[in-house]
Amino acid sequence: GINAEYMGTIAWATTIELDGKLSQDYFDKALCAGKRPSLMDEFDYVTYGRVYKVDTQPKQSKIVVYISYGGLLQKLVGGPGDLKGFKLDAMVYCLVRKV
């Protein structure tokens, strides 16, 4: 889990494009070079991965979402309203900013 003393923001997005369009299927060097603005400019760390499992537990009113960022694995646990946007095989960005 996250240390209780952690102060920051963690967000998930299906695109890092400021206009909301889905990101390209290829790596765009202009994003990292700062030549084209994106959500990455607002965060300290960004990684890209795939939702590989969604476990719905209706009796417990809970959803568990598993995401792989090329070997870095993430498990999110929450209510149906909190995690309803995560779909199996969806590609997502995890964006982290320290306060």
Protein backbone atom coordinates (compact mmCIF):
# COMPACT_ATOMS: atom_id res chain seq x y z
CA GLY A 1 0.00 0.00 0.00
CA ILE A 2 0.88 3.65 -0.02
CA ASN A 3 2.68 4.97 3.05
CA ALA A 4 0.33 6.96 5.30
CA GLU A 5 2.77 9.88 5.16
CA TYR A 6 2.67 10.08 1.34
CA MET A 7 1.40 13.44 0.18
CA GLY A 8 0.59 13.60 -3.46
CA THR A 9 -1.83 12.89 -6.26
CA ILE A 10 -2.31 9.69 -8.21
CA ALA A 11 -4.52 9.78 -11.29
CA TRP A 12 -5.41 7.39 -14.09
CA ALA A 13 -6.26 8.38 -17.65
CA THR A 14 -6.88 6.72 -20.99
CA THR A 15 -5.09 9.55 -22.78
CA ILE A 16 -2.45 12.15 -21.97
CA GLU A 17 -3.59 14.42 -24.79
CA LEU A 18 -4.94 17.76 -23.52
CA ASP A 19 -7.76 17.74 -26.07
CA GLY A 20 -9.00 14.36 -24.79
CA LYS A 21 -8.28 12.48 -28.02
CA LEU A 22 -7.00 8.95 -27.55
CA SER A 23 -3.23 8.71 -27.57
CA GLN A 24 -1.38 7.33 -30.58
CA ASP A 25 -0.46 3.64 -30.76
CA TYR A 26 3.20 4.60 -30.99
CA PHE A 27 5.63 6.53 -28.83
CA ASP A 28 5.81 10.23 -29.67
CA LYS A 29 9.23 11.67 -28.73
CA ALA A 30 7.79 15.19 -28.87
CA LEU A 31 5.83 14.51 -25.68
CA CYS A 32 8.94 13.75 -23.62
CA ALA A 33 10.99 16.48 -25.23
CA GLY A 34 8.47 19.08 -24.10
CA LYS A 35 7.75 20.08 -27.70
CA ARG A 36 4.08 19.23 -27.38
CA PRO A 37 2.12 19.85 -24.16
CA SER A 38 0.33 16.94 -22.48
CA LEU A 39 -0.89 15.77 -19.07
CA MET A 40 2.65 14.50 -18.46
CA ASP A 41 3.74 18.12 -17.94
CA GLU A 42 1.62 18.28 -14.76
CA PHE A 43 3.02 15.13 -13.09
CA ASP A 44 6.37 13.87 -11.79
CA TYR A 45 6.02 10.25 -12.90
CA VAL A 46 3.95 8.69 -15.69
CA THR A 47 3.69 5.06 -16.75
CA TYR A 48 1.55 3.26 -19.33
CA GLY A 49 -0.02 -0.17 -18.96
CA ARG A 50 -2.87 -2.57 -19.59
CA VAL A 51 -5.75 -3.68 -17.39
CA TYR A 52 -5.25 -7.44 -17.35
CA LYS A 53 -7.90 -8.49 -14.83
CA VAL A 54 -11.10 -7.05 -13.37
CA ASP A 55 -12.59 -8.99 -10.46
CA THR A 56 -16.13 -7.95 -9.54
CA GLN A 57 -17.24 -9.04 -6.07
CA PRO A 58 -20.94 -8.07 -5.89
CA LYS A 59 -21.55 -9.61 -2.46
CA GLN A 60 -18.92 -7.30 -1.01
CA SER A 61 -19.81 -4.33 -3.26
CA LYS A 62 -16.18 -4.30 -4.33
CA ILE A 63 -14.17 -4.31 -7.55
CA VAL A 64 -10.51 -5.28 -7.82
CA VAL A 65 -8.61 -4.02 -10.87
CA TYR A 66 -5.18 -5.35 -11.85
CA ILE A 67 -2.92 -3.32 -14.16
CA SER A 68 0.48 -4.27 -15.59
CA TYR A 69 2.92 -1.53 -16.55
CA GLY A 70 5.42 -3.80 -18.28
CA GLY A 71 6.32 -5.72 -15.14
CA LEU A 72 5.29 -3.17 -12.52
CA LEU A 73 1.98 -4.54 -11.23
CA GLN A 74 -0.77 -2.50 -9.59
CA LYS A 75 -3.86 -3.66 -7.70
CA LEU A 76 -6.72 -1.21 -7.12
CA VAL A 77 -9.55 -2.06 -4.73
CA GLY A 78 -12.69 0.05 -4.49
CA GLY A 79 -16.42 0.32 -4.84
CA PRO A 80 -18.21 -0.09 -8.16
CA GLY A 81 -18.66 3.67 -8.47
CA ASP A 82 -14.96 4.32 -7.91
CA LEU A 83 -13.55 1.84 -10.43
CA LYS A 84 -16.33 1.51 -13.01
CA GLY A 85 -14.22 3.15 -15.73
CA PHE A 86 -11.58 0.40 -15.74
CA LYS A 87 -12.29 -2.15 -18.49
CA LEU A 88 -10.47 -5.39 -19.26
CA ASP A 89 -7.63 -4.94 -21.80
CA ALA A 90 -7.90 -1.14 -21.63
CA MET A 91 -4.66 0.81 -21.93
CA VAL A 92 -4.22 3.34 -19.11
CA TYR A 93 -1.75 5.92 -17.89
CA CYS A 94 -0.91 6.15 -14.19
CA LEU A 95 0.20 9.69 -13.30
CA VAL A 96 1.85 10.57 -9.97
CA ARG A 97 2.62 14.00 -8.53
CA LYS A 98 4.28 14.75 -5.21
CA VAL A 99 3.01 17.69 -3.19
